[in-house]
N, C-alpha and C. Protein backbone atom coordinates (compact mmCIF):
# COMPACT_ATOMS: atom_id res chain seq x y z
N MET A 1 -16.12 -4.84 3.72
CA MET A 1 -14.61 -5.07 4.23
C MET A 1 -13.96 -3.23 5.14
N THR A 2 -14.99 -2.65 4.47
CA THR A 2 -14.46 -0.78 5.36
C THR A 2 -14.34 -1.12 7.10
N ARG A 3 -15.36 -2.22 7.69
CA ARG A 3 -15.01 -2.09 9.30
C ARG A 3 -14.15 -3.51 9.37
N VAL A 4 -13.41 -4.22 8.42
CA VAL A 4 -12.75 -5.54 9.21
C VAL A 4 -11.61 -4.15 8.82
N TRP A 5 -10.90 -3.97 7.88
CA TRP A 5 -9.81 -2.68 7.88
C TRP A 5 -9.87 -1.47 8.92
N GLN A 6 -10.73 -0.82 9.21
CA GLN A 6 -10.89 -0.42 10.65
C GLN A 6 -10.44 -0.75 11.29
N TRP A 7 -11.20 -1.65 12.00
CA TRP A 7 -10.80 -2.15 13.16
C TRP A 7 -9.95 -2.84 13.18
N ASN A 8 -9.01 -3.28 12.01
CA ASN A 8 -8.10 -4.08 12.13
C ASN A 8 -7.44 -5.36 12.99
N ARG A 9 -8.68 -5.33 13.48
CA ARG A 9 -8.59 -7.07 14.45
C ARG A 9 -9.85 -8.11 13.48
N PRO A 10 -9.92 -9.28 14.11
CA PRO A 10 -10.88 -10.13 14.02
C PRO A 10 -12.61 -9.80 14.45
N VAL A 11 -13.77 -10.16 13.22
CA VAL A 11 -14.71 -9.27 13.46
C VAL A 11 -15.67 -10.12 13.67
N THR A 12 -17.16 -10.09 14.31
CA THR A 12 -17.68 -11.14 13.93
C THR A 12 -19.37 -10.52 13.12
N VAL A 13 -19.90 -11.47 12.98
CA VAL A 13 -21.03 -10.79 11.66
C VAL A 13 -21.96 -10.17 12.67
N ARG A 14 -22.24 -10.47 13.94
CA ARG A 14 -23.06 -9.44 14.77
C ARG A 14 -22.51 -8.29 15.02
N GLU A 15 -20.74 -7.93 15.37
CA GLU A 15 -20.29 -7.15 15.37
C GLU A 15 -19.92 -5.51 13.79
N VAL A 16 -20.22 -6.55 13.13
CA VAL A 16 -20.22 -5.41 11.57
C VAL A 16 -21.99 -5.12 11.36
N LEU A 17 -23.05 -5.94 11.94
CA LEU A 17 -24.15 -5.32 11.73
C LEU A 17 -24.46 -4.55 13.00
N GLU A 18 -23.99 -4.63 13.73
CA GLU A 18 -24.55 -3.70 14.69
C GLU A 18 -24.00 -1.99 14.34
N ASP A 19 -22.48 -2.31 14.13
CA ASP A 19 -21.95 -1.25 13.36
C ASP A 19 -22.87 -0.23 12.53
N LEU A 20 -23.18 -1.02 11.25
CA LEU A 20 -23.92 -1.34 10.25
C LEU A 20 -24.91 -0.33 10.60
N GLN A 21 -26.23 -1.17 11.17
CA GLN A 21 -27.34 -0.88 11.78
C GLN A 21 -27.66 1.02 12.46
N GLN A 22 -26.38 1.23 13.20
CA GLN A 22 -26.24 2.76 13.48
C GLN A 22 -26.69 4.06 12.27
N GLU A 23 -26.21 3.16 10.86
CA GLU A 23 -26.36 3.98 9.80
C GLU A 23 -27.66 3.90 9.22
N ARG A 24 -28.33 2.70 8.90
CA ARG A 24 -28.78 2.12 8.18
C ARG A 24 -29.83 0.35 8.70
N SER A 25 -30.75 0.64 8.14
CA SER A 25 -31.50 -0.79 8.34
C SER A 25 -31.10 -1.82 7.73
N ILE A 26 -30.52 -2.86 8.29
CA ILE A 26 -29.80 -4.30 7.47
C ILE A 26 -30.18 -5.72 8.17
N ALA A 27 -30.67 -6.76 7.38
CA ALA A 27 -30.49 -7.61 8.19
C ALA A 27 -29.06 -8.33 8.21
N TYR A 28 -29.39 -9.70 9.11
CA TYR A 28 -28.31 -10.04 9.65
C TYR A 28 -27.78 -11.19 8.91
N THR A 29 -29.07 -11.69 7.88
CA THR A 29 -28.28 -12.41 7.05
C THR A 29 -28.03 -11.95 5.75
N THR A 30 -28.33 -10.32 5.96
CA THR A 30 -27.29 -9.57 4.54
C THR A 30 -25.78 -9.53 4.51
N VAL A 31 -25.67 -9.20 6.07
CA VAL A 31 -24.11 -9.30 6.44
C VAL A 31 -23.42 -10.51 6.19
N MET A 32 -24.11 -11.34 6.83
CA MET A 32 -23.32 -13.14 6.84
C MET A 32 -23.21 -13.20 5.43
N THR A 33 -24.16 -12.88 5.15
CA THR A 33 -23.74 -13.29 3.22
C THR A 33 -22.64 -12.52 2.08
N VAL A 34 -22.62 -11.42 2.64
CA VAL A 34 -21.61 -10.53 2.51
C VAL A 34 -20.29 -10.94 2.71
N MET A 35 -19.73 -11.06 4.13
CA MET A 35 -18.91 -11.73 4.76
C MET A 35 -18.48 -13.02 4.12
N ASP A 36 -19.41 -13.95 4.11
CA ASP A 36 -19.34 -15.52 3.21
C ASP A 36 -18.92 -15.22 2.14
N ASN A 37 -19.33 -14.14 1.35
CA ASN A 37 -18.71 -13.93 -0.45
C ASN A 37 -17.00 -13.70 -0.28
N LEU A 38 -17.25 -12.63 0.89
CA LEU A 38 -15.27 -11.58 0.84
C LEU A 38 -15.29 -13.29 1.40
N HIS A 39 -15.38 -13.80 2.91
CA HIS A 39 -14.37 -15.47 2.79
C HIS A 39 -14.37 -16.13 1.23
N GLN A 40 -15.23 -16.11 0.36
CA GLN A 40 -14.98 -17.43 -0.91
C GLN A 40 -14.38 -16.72 -1.62
N LYS A 41 -14.22 -15.53 -1.97
CA LYS A 41 -13.70 -14.87 -2.70
C LYS A 41 -11.90 -14.58 -2.33
N GLY A 42 -11.61 -14.94 -1.10
CA GLY A 42 -10.52 -14.74 -0.68
C GLY A 42 -9.88 -13.32 0.05
N TRP A 43 -11.06 -12.99 0.35
CA TRP A 43 -10.37 -11.37 1.25
C TRP A 43 -10.41 -11.41 2.63
N VAL A 44 -10.91 -12.31 2.77
CA VAL A 44 -11.09 -12.39 4.19
C VAL A 44 -10.81 -13.86 4.58
N ARG A 45 -10.33 -14.65 6.09
CA ARG A 45 -10.44 -15.68 6.28
C ARG A 45 -10.97 -15.53 7.57
N ARG A 46 -11.51 -16.95 7.96
CA ARG A 46 -12.33 -17.05 8.87
C ARG A 46 -12.06 -18.17 9.88
N GLU A 47 -12.23 -18.00 11.55
CA GLU A 47 -11.82 -18.75 12.37
C GLU A 47 -13.65 -18.99 13.06
N VAL A 48 -13.49 -20.12 13.55
CA VAL A 48 -14.95 -20.46 14.38
C VAL A 48 -14.35 -19.55 15.89
N ASP A 49 -15.17 -18.98 16.12
CA ASP A 49 -15.16 -18.98 17.76
C ASP A 49 -16.51 -19.20 18.50
N GLY A 50 -16.98 -20.04 19.12
CA GLY A 50 -17.94 -20.66 19.52
C GLY A 50 -18.61 -21.27 18.53
N ARG A 51 -20.04 -20.45 18.51
CA ARG A 51 -20.95 -20.89 17.61
C ARG A 51 -20.74 -19.74 16.49
N ALA A 52 -19.84 -18.64 16.32
CA ALA A 52 -19.57 -17.73 14.95
C ALA A 52 -18.57 -17.30 14.84
N TYR A 53 -17.77 -17.05 13.73
CA TYR A 53 -16.62 -16.99 12.67
C TYR A 53 -16.27 -15.70 13.25
N ARG A 54 -15.09 -15.39 13.53
CA ARG A 54 -14.60 -14.57 13.35
C ARG A 54 -13.75 -13.79 11.89
N TYR A 55 -13.53 -12.42 11.47
CA TYR A 55 -12.95 -12.93 10.06
C TYR A 55 -11.94 -11.79 10.29
N THR A 56 -11.24 -11.86 9.72
CA THR A 56 -9.47 -11.16 9.56
C THR A 56 -9.29 -10.94 8.41
N ALA A 57 -9.12 -9.29 7.55
CA ALA A 57 -8.75 -9.07 6.34
C ALA A 57 -7.43 -10.21 5.85
N VAL A 58 -7.54 -10.78 4.54
CA VAL A 58 -6.43 -11.27 4.16
C VAL A 58 -5.34 -10.43 3.93
N SER A 59 -5.38 -8.86 3.32
CA SER A 59 -4.88 -7.90 3.15
C SER A 59 -5.18 -6.72 3.54
N THR A 60 -3.93 -5.60 2.80
CA THR A 60 -4.66 -4.58 3.32
C THR A 60 -5.18 -3.48 2.36
N ARG A 61 -6.10 -2.77 2.91
CA ARG A 61 -6.96 -1.60 1.94
C ARG A 61 -6.28 -0.96 0.96
N ALA A 62 -4.68 -0.60 0.76
CA ALA A 62 -3.78 -0.07 -0.13
C ALA A 62 -3.51 -1.18 -1.32
N ALA A 63 -3.64 -2.86 -0.53
CA ALA A 63 -3.05 -3.68 -1.48
C ALA A 63 -4.65 -4.05 -2.26
N TYR A 64 -5.79 -4.21 -1.79
CA TYR A 64 -7.05 -3.97 -2.72
C TYR A 64 -6.79 -3.09 -3.53
N ALA A 65 -6.62 -2.01 -3.45
CA ALA A 65 -6.87 -1.01 -3.79
C ALA A 65 -5.77 -1.04 -5.53
N ALA A 66 -4.76 -1.31 -4.56
CA ALA A 66 -3.64 -1.88 -5.80
C ALA A 66 -4.32 -2.38 -7.07
N ALA A 67 -4.52 -3.81 -6.27
CA ALA A 67 -5.40 -4.82 -7.37
C ALA A 67 -6.48 -4.25 -8.21
N LEU A 68 -7.21 -3.66 -7.72
CA LEU A 68 -8.49 -3.10 -8.59
C LEU A 68 -7.53 -2.25 -9.37
N MET A 69 -7.02 -1.17 -9.27
CA MET A 69 -6.53 -0.49 -10.06
C MET A 69 -5.64 -1.04 -11.18
N ASN A 70 -4.71 -2.34 -10.92
CA ASN A 70 -3.93 -2.95 -11.74
C ASN A 70 -4.55 -3.71 -13.06
N GLU A 71 -6.03 -4.07 -12.16
CA GLU A 71 -6.93 -5.02 -13.06
C GLU A 71 -7.98 -4.25 -13.77
N ALA A 72 -7.97 -2.88 -13.43
CA ALA A 72 -8.75 -2.16 -14.86
C ALA A 72 -7.57 -1.86 -15.74
N TRP A 73 -6.37 -1.13 -15.04
CA TRP A 73 -5.57 -0.94 -16.42
C TRP A 73 -5.36 -1.96 -17.52
N SER A 74 -5.55 -3.26 -16.82
CA SER A 74 -4.45 -4.22 -17.70
C SER A 74 -5.99 -4.44 -18.91
N ARG A 75 -7.30 -4.66 -18.47
CA ARG A 75 -8.56 -4.38 -18.86
C ARG A 75 -8.25 -3.29 -20.28
N SER A 76 -7.44 -2.21 -20.02
CA SER A 76 -7.43 -1.28 -20.84
C SER A 76 -6.62 -1.60 -22.17
N ASP A 77 -7.38 -1.21 -23.76
CA ASP A 77 -6.61 -1.81 -24.80
C ASP A 77 -5.53 -0.46 -25.71
N ASN A 78 -5.16 0.06 -24.40
CA ASN A 78 -4.29 1.93 -24.70
C ASN A 78 -3.85 1.87 -23.43
N ARG A 79 -2.90 0.84 -22.53
CA ARG A 79 -2.96 1.22 -21.28
C ARG A 79 -2.04 2.71 -21.23
N ALA A 80 -1.54 3.52 -22.25
CA ALA A 80 -1.25 4.80 -21.91
C ALA A 80 -1.84 5.92 -21.61
N ALA A 81 -2.99 5.68 -22.68
CA ALA A 81 -3.68 6.71 -22.42
C ALA A 81 -4.99 6.41 -21.52
N ALA A 82 -4.97 5.72 -20.73
CA ALA A 82 -5.51 5.32 -19.25
C ALA A 82 -5.08 5.54 -18.58
N LEU A 83 -3.87 5.85 -18.62
CA LEU A 83 -2.69 6.07 -17.34
C LEU A 83 -2.93 7.73 -17.08
N VAL A 84 -3.01 8.56 -18.69
CA VAL A 84 -2.65 9.79 -18.92
C VAL A 84 -4.43 10.24 -18.39
N ALA A 85 -6.26 9.57 -18.91
CA ALA A 85 -6.49 10.00 -18.51
C ALA A 85 -6.98 9.97 -16.78
N PHE A 86 -6.26 9.08 -15.94
CA PHE A 86 -6.44 8.28 -14.89
C PHE A 86 -5.36 9.60 -14.04
N PHE A 87 -4.44 10.23 -14.32
CA PHE A 87 -3.33 10.88 -14.23
C PHE A 87 -3.99 12.52 -14.42
N GLY A 88 -4.93 12.46 -15.12
CA GLY A 88 -5.92 14.07 -15.17
C GLY A 88 -6.90 13.96 -14.20
N MET A 89 -7.12 12.97 -13.61
CA MET A 89 -8.44 13.36 -12.58
C MET A 89 -8.04 13.68 -11.21
N MET A 90 -6.59 13.51 -10.95
CA MET A 90 -6.30 13.94 -10.04
C MET A 90 -5.34 14.72 -9.35
N SER A 91 -5.64 15.26 -8.19
CA SER A 91 -5.31 16.43 -8.00
C SER A 91 -4.10 16.62 -7.46
N PRO A 92 -3.97 17.66 -7.79
CA PRO A 92 -2.25 18.09 -7.02
C PRO A 92 -1.39 17.25 -6.38
N GLU A 93 -2.41 17.39 -5.25
CA GLU A 93 -1.73 16.54 -4.01
C GLU A 93 -1.54 14.93 -4.33
N GLU A 94 -2.25 14.06 -4.95
CA GLU A 94 -2.65 13.07 -5.49
C GLU A 94 -1.53 12.62 -6.38
N ARG A 95 -1.07 13.91 -7.54
CA ARG A 95 -0.18 13.96 -8.34
C ARG A 95 1.17 13.70 -7.69
N GLU A 96 1.60 14.69 -6.52
CA GLU A 96 2.85 14.59 -6.02
C GLU A 96 2.85 13.06 -4.97
N ALA A 97 1.68 12.68 -4.52
CA ALA A 97 2.04 11.34 -3.79
C ALA A 97 2.56 10.08 -5.23
N LEU A 98 1.76 10.43 -6.25
CA LEU A 98 2.37 9.44 -6.83
C LEU A 98 3.73 9.70 -7.63
N ARG A 99 4.38 10.50 -7.31
CA ARG A 99 5.33 11.10 -8.16
C ARG A 99 6.53 10.35 -6.65
N ASP A 100 5.77 10.21 -5.52
CA ASP A 100 7.06 10.05 -4.47
C ASP A 100 6.85 8.31 -4.93
N ALA A 101 5.77 7.80 -4.96
CA ALA A 101 5.65 6.38 -5.00
C ALA A 101 6.65 5.87 -6.17
N VAL A 102 6.69 6.86 -7.26
CA VAL A 102 7.12 6.06 -8.47
C VAL A 102 8.88 6.42 -7.80
N ARG A 103 9.36 7.40 -7.12
CA ARG A 103 10.93 7.70 -6.68
C ARG A 103 10.88 6.55 -6.00
N MET A 104 9.74 6.00 -4.96
CA MET A 104 10.49 4.73 -3.99
C MET A 104 10.31 3.49 -4.92
N VAL A 105 9.76 3.18 -5.46
CA VAL A 105 9.79 2.07 -6.63
C VAL A 105 11.36 2.07 -7.59
N GLN A 106 11.81 3.38 -8.14
CA GLN A 106 12.35 3.36 -8.99
C GLN A 106 14.13 3.40 -7.92
N GLU A 107 13.97 4.02 -7.10
CA GLU A 107 15.36 3.70 -6.49
C GLU A 107 16.04 2.54 -6.42
N PRO A 108 16.95 2.41 -6.28
CA PRO A 108 17.75 1.26 -6.37
C PRO A 108 18.13 0.73 -4.55
N GLU A 109 17.87 -0.34 -4.29
CA GLU A 109 17.95 -1.24 -3.56
C GLU A 109 18.72 -0.69 -2.76
N PRO A 110 19.88 -0.92 -3.31
CA PRO A 110 21.29 -0.23 -1.85
C PRO A 110 20.68 1.12 -1.75
N GLU A 111 20.53 1.75 -2.33
CA GLU A 111 19.89 3.43 -2.03
C GLU A 111 18.97 3.39 -0.78
N ARG A 112 17.79 2.71 -1.03
CA ARG A 112 17.23 2.80 0.30
C ARG A 112 17.83 2.35 1.54
N ASP A 113 18.83 1.27 1.33
CA ASP A 113 19.28 1.31 2.75
C ASP A 113 20.68 1.51 3.37
N ARG A 114 20.61 3.40 2.50
CA ARG A 114 21.98 4.08 2.75
C ARG A 114 21.76 4.60 3.83
N ALA A 115 22.60 5.40 4.66
CA ALA A 115 22.38 6.10 5.53
C ALA A 115 22.47 7.75 4.69
N PRO A 116 21.93 8.83 5.77
CA PRO A 116 20.90 9.24 5.20
C PRO A 116 22.42 10.68 4.66
N GLU A 117 22.72 11.74 4.00
CA GLU A 117 24.38 11.90 3.21
C GLU A 117 24.98 12.55 4.87
N GLN A 118 24.08 12.83 5.32
CA GLN A 118 25.47 13.62 6.50
C GLN A 118 25.69 12.60 7.14
N ASP A 119 25.31 11.52 7.18
CA ASP A 119 25.72 10.37 8.34
C ASP A 119 26.67 9.28 7.18
N ARG A 120 27.01 9.81 6.20
CA ARG A 120 27.63 8.85 5.45
C ARG A 120 29.35 9.28 5.45
N GLU A 121 30.31 8.88 5.29
CA GLU A 121 32.05 9.01 5.18
C GLU A 121 31.56 9.40 3.71
N PRO A 122 32.83 10.42 3.32
CA PRO A 122 32.76 11.05 1.99
C PRO A 122 33.42 10.07 1.38
N GLU A 123 33.02 9.89 0.12
CA GLU A 123 33.74 9.51 -0.95
C GLU A 123 35.36 9.47 -1.76
N PRO A 124 36.20 8.96 -1.48
CA PRO A 124 37.46 9.82 -2.05
C PRO A 124 37.13 10.60 -3.02
N GLU A 125 37.79 11.23 -3.88
CA GLU A 125 37.54 12.13 -4.91
C GLU A 125 38.01 11.66 -6.19
N GLN A 126 37.41 11.45 -7.36
CA GLN A 126 37.61 10.71 -8.79
C GLN A 126 39.56 10.67 -8.86
N GLY A 127 40.49 9.86 -9.04
CA GLY A 127 41.56 10.29 -9.04
C GLY A 127 42.40 10.98 -7.76
N SER A 128 41.62 10.17 -6.96
CA SER A 128 42.57 10.82 -6.05
C SER A 128 43.74 9.79 -5.39
N GLU A 129 44.49 9.90 -5.19
CA GLU A 129 45.26 8.64 -4.23
C GLU A 129 45.52 9.00 -2.48
N GLU A 130 45.66 7.25 -1.99
CA GLU A 130 45.68 7.11 -1.39
C GLU A 130 46.25 8.07 -0.22
N GLY A 131 45.93 8.66 1.00
CA GLY A 131 46.86 9.70 1.40
C GLY A 131 47.13 10.83 1.23
N ASP A 132 46.06 11.21 -0.01
CA ASP A 132 45.96 12.80 -0.22
C ASP A 132 45.20 13.00 0.66
N VAL A 133 44.78 14.35 0.82
CA VAL A 133 43.98 15.06 1.49
C VAL A 133 42.93 15.72 1.10
N PRO A 134 41.87 15.74 1.13
CA PRO A 134 40.78 16.41 0.37
C PRO A 134 40.83 17.76 1.10
N GLY A 135 41.01 18.45 -0.60
CA GLY A 135 41.36 20.43 -0.59
C GLY A 135 42.96 20.71 -0.28
N GLY A 136 43.33 19.45 0.08
CA GLY A 136 44.95 19.66 0.29
C GLY A 136 45.67 19.81 -0.76
N SER A 137 47.33 19.71 -0.45
CA SER A 137 48.35 20.14 -1.17
C SER A 137 48.68 18.15 -1.52
N THR A 138 48.66 18.26 -2.85
CA THR A 138 49.46 16.53 -3.09
C THR A 138 50.81 16.90 -3.32
N GLU A 139 51.62 17.63 -2.85
CA GLU A 139 53.06 17.52 -2.79
C GLU A 139 53.33 16.56 -1.73
N ARG A 140 54.43 16.06 -1.90
CA ARG A 140 55.22 15.08 -1.10
C ARG A 140 56.61 15.14 -0.45
């Protein structure tokens, strides 16, 4: 899967084999079996290209990692304790990335679509009437 995600294009068994053989000795049938297993599990789709298949990832690496984390977390009998232990294994940078992700998920939809603060028109102050000038006199 790593090769399929890295290349981000349809790949053949032969291409994956040749790339893997730069690191170690591996048989064509081994790679073919793994690619077929990934197809059977729904992680890749394949299309016929001549006498071979071209394999394409069905989801991103991030979605795959999230599914694995969710599966592991859902098997815990004490989810809070599992999360605390998991967070305890994280580096400070990873915890900051987690905080950012939580903020993104918790932010209401309208907030995500709004312009940055400096680009927005100021909203009228509470209790102000039409025609009032902000910071100005309320005398008429």
